[in-house]
Amino acid sequence: MIANEPDRVVGEMNSALEPDLMNIDDPALQLHFTALFERLPTGGIARAFPDEAACEARVREVVWPKGPICPKCATFDVRPLQTGAKLHCPSCRLQFSLKSRTIFRRSRLSLRWWFLAAEAFLRAHARNRASILLTEERFGIDLNVARMTSRKALAVLRKDLALEEGSDFAALLCTPVLSKTEDDA
């Protein structure tokens, strides 16, 4: 999921917004965003992920469920560097971080910022206030970032969260949908 498609969204952060990206009148998309919002943790993102360490733990849990793995040679024999922020693979000598090969790879914003931004994005759609709350200027002011950063973040969130299957943010933030069995019907 996250590790398999590193450039799917991030590579497009610097490109211009596509015209249909900001089309908030699509009822199917509105319903999809509302369903994702309803699957967010009870009490909200701020309570579920109170600090950067909690966000890093969640990304680690989703990206590396069996432990850190080298993105280049796929070995599990990776070790933390002395700084602790990066990992080192002795087999291929690659140094990589938690954000490597993820949607956050080239972002200087904290993981917690992204988590809170995704919640704000979904909340605006769930409350049918996206046209008011998701303007570049308002989104940037609410989340304390510059307008261009806000524009790029909105594009990343929109593209990723609009995916029916395999959304990185949905995997990180939303509880899984329980499927009904024949006994439940």
C-alpha atoms as a PDB file:
ATOM      1  CA  MET A   1       0.000   0.000   0.000  1.00  0.00           C
ATOM      2  CA  ILE A   2       2.117   2.981   1.135  1.00  0.00           C
ATOM      3  CA  ALA A   3       5.523   1.494   0.387  1.00  0.00           C
ATOM      4  CA  ASN A   4       4.499   0.191  -3.043  1.00  0.00           C
ATOM      5  CA  GLU A   5       3.660   3.508  -4.698  1.00  0.00           C
ATOM      6  CA  PRO A   6       6.063   6.184  -3.427  1.00  0.00           C
ATOM      7  CA  ASP A   7       5.616   8.722  -6.184  1.00  0.00           C
ATOM      8  CA  ARG A   8       1.904   8.229  -6.752  1.00  0.00           C
ATOM      9  CA  VAL A   9       0.883  11.451  -5.033  1.00  0.00           C
ATOM     10  CA  VAL A  10       4.027  13.162  -3.798  1.00  0.00           C
ATOM     11  CA  GLY A  11       5.526  13.389  -7.271  1.00  0.00           C
ATOM     12  CA  GLU A  12       2.564  15.506  -8.275  1.00  0.00           C
ATOM     13  CA  MET A  13       2.836  17.982  -5.399  1.00  0.00           C
ATOM     14  CA  ASN A  14       4.735  20.491  -7.505  1.00  0.00           C
ATOM     15  CA  SER A  15       2.498  20.246 -10.550  1.00  0.00           C
ATOM     16  CA  ALA A  16      -0.415  22.579 -11.104  1.00  0.00           C
ATOM     17  CA  LEU A  17      -3.781  21.571  -9.732  1.00  0.00           C
ATOM     18  CA  GLU A  18      -5.938  19.776 -12.216  1.00  0.00           C
ATOM     19  CA  PRO A  19      -9.256  21.525 -12.842  1.00  0.00           C
ATOM     20  CA  ASP A  20     -11.393  18.664 -11.507  1.00  0.00           C
ATOM     21  CA  LEU A  21      -9.386  18.405  -8.286  1.00  0.00           C
ATOM     22  CA  MET A  22     -11.358  21.131  -6.615  1.00  0.00           C
ATOM     23  CA  ASN A  23     -14.750  19.987  -7.931  1.00  0.00           C
ATOM     24  CA  ILE A  24     -16.563  19.572  -4.640  1.00  0.00           C
ATOM     25  CA  ASP A  25     -19.997  19.103  -6.178  1.00  0.00           C
ATOM     26  CA  ASP A  26     -19.558  15.416  -7.007  1.00  0.00           C
ATOM     27  CA  PRO A  27     -22.122  13.612  -4.797  1.00  0.00           C
ATOM     28  CA  ALA A  28     -20.340  10.251  -4.968  1.00  0.00           C
ATOM     29  CA  LEU A  29     -17.090  11.828  -3.829  1.00  0.00           C
ATOM     30  CA  GLN A  30     -18.919  13.736  -1.098  1.00  0.00           C
ATOM     31  CA  LEU A  31     -20.401  10.462   0.149  1.00  0.00           C
ATOM     32  CA  HIS A  32     -16.986   8.775   0.024  1.00  0.00           C
ATOM     33  CA  PHE A  33     -15.372  11.564   2.079  1.00  0.00           C
ATOM     34  CA  THR A  34     -18.217  11.445   4.610  1.00  0.00           C
ATOM     35  CA  ALA A  35     -17.796   7.673   4.982  1.00  0.00           C
ATOM     36  CA  LEU A  36     -14.067   8.148   5.611  1.00  0.00           C
ATOM     37  CA  PHE A  37     -14.793  10.867   8.181  1.00  0.00           C
ATOM     38  CA  GLU A  38     -17.102   8.511  10.061  1.00  0.00           C
ATOM     39  CA  ARG A  39     -14.250   5.982  10.269  1.00  0.00           C
ATOM     40  CA  LEU A  40     -11.844   8.404  11.967  1.00  0.00           C
ATOM     41  CA  PRO A  41     -10.894   7.565  15.557  1.00  0.00           C
ATOM     42  CA  THR A  42     -13.467   8.371  18.227  1.00  0.00           C
ATOM     43  CA  GLY A  43     -12.473  11.633  19.855  1.00  0.00           C
ATOM     44  CA  GLY A  44     -10.599  12.833  16.783  1.00  0.00           C
ATOM     45  CA  ILE A  45      -7.085  12.729  15.444  1.00  0.00           C
ATOM     46  CA  ALA A  46      -5.676  15.075  18.093  1.00  0.00           C
ATOM     47  CA  ARG A  47      -6.697  12.669  20.850  1.00  0.00           C
ATOM     48  CA  ALA A  48      -5.690   9.485  19.020  1.00  0.00           C
ATOM     49  CA  PHE A  49      -2.319  10.915  17.943  1.00  0.00           C
ATOM     50  CA  PRO A  50      -1.358  13.490  20.605  1.00  0.00           C
ATOM     51  CA  ASP A  51       2.204  14.044  19.404  1.00  0.00           C
ATOM     52  CA  GLU A  52       4.653  13.356  16.596  1.00  0.00           C
ATOM     53  CA  ALA A  53       5.856  10.144  18.254  1.00  0.00           C
ATOM     54  CA  ALA A  54       2.338   8.689  18.165  1.00  0.00           C
ATOM     55  CA  CYS A  55       2.037   9.576  14.462  1.00  0.00           C
ATOM     56  CA  GLU A  56       5.427   7.993  13.740  1.00  0.00           C
ATOM     57  CA  ALA A  57       4.381   4.844  15.600  1.00  0.00           C
ATOM     58  CA  ARG A  58       1.217   4.629  13.473  1.00  0.00           C
ATOM     59  CA  VAL A  59       3.122   5.091  10.210  1.00  0.00           C
ATOM     60  CA  ARG A  60       5.650   2.462  11.342  1.00  0.00           C
ATOM     61  CA  GLU A  61       2.782   0.082  12.179  1.00  0.00           C
ATOM     62  CA  VAL A  62       1.128   0.510   8.770  1.00  0.00           C
ATOM     63  CA  VAL A  63       4.239   0.718   6.576  1.00  0.00           C
ATOM     64  CA  TRP A  64       6.284  -1.949   8.369  1.00  0.00           C
ATOM     65  CA  PRO A  65       3.893  -4.300  10.185  1.00  0.00           C
ATOM     66  CA  LYS A  66       6.663  -6.927  10.564  1.00  0.00           C
ATOM     67  CA  GLY A  67       9.418  -4.423  11.389  1.00  0.00           C
ATOM     68  CA  PRO A  68      11.588  -2.066   9.308  1.00  0.00           C
ATOM     69  CA  ILE A  69      12.553  -3.308   5.878  1.00  0.00           C
ATOM     70  CA  CYS A  70      15.077  -1.837   3.472  1.00  0.00           C
ATOM     71  CA  PRO A  71      13.254  -0.285   0.503  1.00  0.00           C
ATOM     72  CA  LYS A  72      16.138  -1.106  -1.835  1.00  0.00           C
ATOM     73  CA  CYS A  73      17.114  -4.724  -1.065  1.00  0.00           C
ATOM     74  CA  ALA A  74      14.101  -5.789   1.069  1.00  0.00           C
ATOM     75  CA  THR A  75      16.170  -7.089   3.973  1.00  0.00           C
ATOM     76  CA  PHE A  76      14.956  -6.901   7.562  1.00  0.00           C
ATOM     77  CA  ASP A  77      18.529  -6.424   8.817  1.00  0.00           C
ATOM     78  CA  VAL A  78      18.330  -2.644   9.245  1.00  0.00           C
ATOM     79  CA  ARG A  79      19.803  -0.653  12.110  1.00  0.00           C
ATOM     80  CA  PRO A  80      19.183   2.832  13.449  1.00  0.00           C
ATOM     81  CA  LEU A  81      21.894   5.407  12.888  1.00  0.00           C
ATOM     82  CA  GLN A  82      23.350   7.209  15.888  1.00  0.00           C
ATOM     83  CA  THR A  83      20.968  10.136  15.415  1.00  0.00           C
ATOM     84  CA  GLY A  84      18.020   7.754  15.584  1.00  0.00           C
ATOM     85  CA  ALA A  85      16.090   9.593  12.863  1.00  0.00           C
ATOM     86  CA  LYS A  86      17.344   7.408  10.022  1.00  0.00           C
ATOM     87  CA  LEU A  87      17.895   3.722   9.462  1.00  0.00           C
ATOM     88  CA  HIS A  88      20.846   2.059   7.769  1.00  0.00           C
ATOM     89  CA  CYS A  89      20.932  -1.157   5.758  1.00  0.00           C
ATOM     90  CA  PRO A  90      24.328  -2.873   6.079  1.00  0.00           C
ATOM     91  CA  SER A  91      23.622  -5.057   3.011  1.00  0.00           C
ATOM     92  CA  CYS A  92      23.200  -2.288   0.433  1.00  0.00           C
ATOM     93  CA  ARG A  93      24.357   0.674   2.572  1.00  0.00           C
ATOM     94  CA  LEU A  94      21.148   2.610   1.999  1.00  0.00           C
ATOM     95  CA  GLN A  95      20.142   5.196   4.565  1.00  0.00           C
ATOM     96  CA  PHE A  96      16.424   5.842   4.786  1.00  0.00           C
ATOM     97  CA  SER A  97      13.847   7.281   7.127  1.00  0.00           C
ATOM     98  CA  LEU A  98      10.305   6.526   8.188  1.00  0.00           C
ATOM     99  CA  LYS A  99       9.047   8.910   5.506  1.00  0.00           C
ATOM    100  CA  SER A 100      11.037   7.220   2.709  1.00  0.00           C
ATOM    101  CA  ARG A 101       8.839   5.575   0.089  1.00  0.00           C
ATOM    102  CA  THR A 102       5.675   7.089   1.562  1.00  0.00           C
ATOM    103  CA  ILE A 103       3.357   9.891   0.602  1.00  0.00           C
ATOM    104  CA  PHE A 104       5.260  12.120   3.064  1.00  0.00           C
ATOM    105  CA  ARG A 105       8.680  11.573   1.473  1.00  0.00           C
ATOM    106  CA  ARG A 106       9.444  15.092   0.296  1.00  0.00           C
ATOM    107  CA  SER A 107       7.376  16.959   2.841  1.00  0.00           C
ATOM    108  CA  ARG A 108       8.948  19.134   5.512  1.00  0.00           C
ATOM    109  CA  LEU A 109       5.679  19.239   7.411  1.00  0.00           C
ATOM    110  CA  SER A 110       5.322  17.007  10.437  1.00  0.00           C
ATOM    111  CA  LEU A 111       3.344  13.797  10.294  1.00  0.00           C
ATOM    112  CA  ARG A 112       0.995  15.200  12.937  1.00  0.00           C
ATOM    113  CA  TRP A 113       0.297  18.223  10.719  1.00  0.00           C
ATOM    114  CA  TRP A 114      -0.648  15.896   7.856  1.00  0.00           C
ATOM    115  CA  PHE A 115      -2.870  13.803  10.132  1.00  0.00           C
ATOM    116  CA  LEU A 116      -4.686  16.905  11.403  1.00  0.00           C
ATOM    117  CA  ALA A 117      -4.964  18.317   7.863  1.00  0.00           C
ATOM    118  CA  ALA A 118      -6.580  15.094   6.623  1.00  0.00           C
ATOM    119  CA  GLU A 119      -9.091  15.260   9.473  1.00  0.00           C
ATOM    120  CA  ALA A 120      -9.900  18.912   8.687  1.00  0.00           C
ATOM    121  CA  PHE A 121     -10.336  18.031   5.015  1.00  0.00           C
ATOM    122  CA  LEU A 122     -12.710  15.151   5.766  1.00  0.00           C
ATOM    123  CA  ARG A 123     -14.614  17.145   8.402  1.00  0.00           C
ATOM    124  CA  ALA A 124     -15.245  19.971   5.937  1.00  0.00           C
ATOM    125  CA  HIS A 125     -16.676  17.511   3.415  1.00  0.00           C
ATOM    126  CA  ALA A 126     -18.720  15.614   6.012  1.00  0.00           C
ATOM    127  CA  ARG A 127     -20.328  18.843   7.193  1.00  0.00           C
ATOM    128  CA  ASN A 128     -20.942  19.941   3.606  1.00  0.00           C
ATOM    129  CA  ARG A 129     -18.806  23.043   4.125  1.00  0.00           C
ATOM    130  CA  ALA A 130     -15.930  22.206   1.795  1.00  0.00           C
ATOM    131  CA  SER A 131     -16.532  25.214  -0.447  1.00  0.00           C
ATOM    132  CA  ILE A 132     -16.080  27.526   2.549  1.00  0.00           C
ATOM    133  CA  LEU A 133     -13.473  25.742   4.650  1.00  0.00           C
ATOM    134  CA  LEU A 134     -11.226  24.322   1.953  1.00  0.00           C
ATOM    135  CA  THR A 135     -10.198  27.446   0.114  1.00  0.00           C
ATOM    136  CA  GLU A 136      -6.409  27.663  -0.094  1.00  0.00           C
ATOM    137  CA  GLU A 137      -6.332  30.785   2.053  1.00  0.00           C
ATOM    138  CA  ARG A 138      -8.666  29.545   4.804  1.00  0.00           C
ATOM    139  CA  PHE A 139      -7.082  26.085   4.962  1.00  0.00           C
ATOM    140  CA  GLY A 140      -3.645  27.681   5.239  1.00  0.00           C
ATOM    141  CA  ILE A 141      -4.724  30.034   8.019  1.00  0.00           C
ATOM    142  CA  ASP A 142      -6.474  27.276   9.973  1.00  0.00           C
ATOM    143  CA  LEU A 143      -3.434  24.990   9.779  1.00  0.00           C
ATOM    144  CA  ASN A 144      -0.809  27.742  10.024  1.00  0.00           C
ATOM    145  CA  VAL A 145       0.949  27.289   6.664  1.00  0.00           C
ATOM    146  CA  ALA A 146       1.622  29.493   3.657  1.00  0.00           C
ATOM    147  CA  ARG A 147      -0.913  29.666   0.842  1.00  0.00           C
ATOM    148  CA  MET A 148       1.220  27.709  -1.659  1.00  0.00           C
ATOM    149  CA  THR A 149       1.825  24.969   0.916  1.00  0.00           C
ATOM    150  CA  SER A 150      -1.889  24.933   1.576  1.00  0.00           C
ATOM    151  CA  ARG A 151      -2.605  24.574  -2.142  1.00  0.00           C
ATOM    152  CA  LYS A 152      -0.199  21.659  -2.511  1.00  0.00           C
ATOM    153  CA  ALA A 153      -1.499  19.974   0.642  1.00  0.00           C
ATOM    154  CA  LEU A 154      -5.094  20.223  -0.547  1.00  0.00           C
ATOM    155  CA  ALA A 155      -4.096  18.645  -3.863  1.00  0.00           C
ATOM    156  CA  VAL A 156      -2.313  15.763  -2.109  1.00  0.00           C
ATOM    157  CA  LEU A 157      -5.200  15.178   0.298  1.00  0.00           C
ATOM    158  CA  ARG A 158      -7.810  15.355  -2.440  1.00  0.00           C
ATOM    159  CA  LYS A 159      -5.975  12.916  -4.719  1.00  0.00           C
ATOM    160  CA  ASP A 160      -5.174  10.421  -1.989  1.00  0.00           C
ATOM    161  CA  LEU A 161      -8.473  10.489  -0.122  1.00  0.00           C
ATOM    162  CA  ALA A 162     -10.492  10.283  -3.351  1.00  0.00           C
ATOM    163  CA  LEU A 163      -9.080   6.816  -4.047  1.00  0.00           C
ATOM    164  CA  GLU A 164     -11.649   4.113  -3.380  1.00  0.00           C
ATOM    165  CA  GLU A 165      -9.019   1.503  -2.531  1.00  0.00           C
ATOM    166  CA  GLY A 166      -5.500   1.943  -1.252  1.00  0.00           C
ATOM    167  CA  SER A 167      -5.676   5.454   0.151  1.00  0.00           C
ATOM    168  CA  ASP A 168      -2.594   6.067   2.285  1.00  0.00           C
ATOM    169  CA  PHE A 169      -4.382   8.455   4.623  1.00  0.00           C
ATOM    170  CA  ALA A 170      -7.349   6.113   5.005  1.00  0.00           C
ATOM    171  CA  ALA A 171      -4.999   3.265   5.949  1.00  0.00           C
ATOM    172  CA  LEU A 172      -3.278   5.449   8.538  1.00  0.00           C
ATOM    173  CA  LEU A 173      -6.241   7.227  10.064  1.00  0.00           C
ATOM    174  CA  CYS A 174      -9.465   5.316   9.532  1.00  0.00           C
ATOM    175  CA  THR A 175     -10.696   2.213  11.278  1.00  0.00           C
ATOM    176  CA  PRO A 176     -11.287  -0.728   8.940  1.00  0.00           C
ATOM    177  CA  VAL A 177     -14.761  -1.376   7.648  1.00  0.00           C
ATOM    178  CA  LEU A 178     -16.117  -4.588   9.104  1.00  0.00           C
ATOM    179  CA  SER A 179     -17.677  -6.766   6.462  1.00  0.00           C
ATOM    180  CA  LYS A 180     -20.980  -8.447   7.205  1.00  0.00           C
ATOM    181  CA  THR A 181     -21.098 -12.202   7.267  1.00  0.00           C
ATOM    182  CA  GLU A 182     -24.073 -14.276   6.171  1.00  0.00           C
ATOM    183  CA  ASP A 183     -24.991 -14.746   9.850  1.00  0.00           C
ATOM    184  CA  ASP A 184     -25.376 -10.956  10.286  1.00  0.00           C
ATOM    185  CA  ALA A 185     -27.814 -10.631   7.374  1.00  0.00           C
END
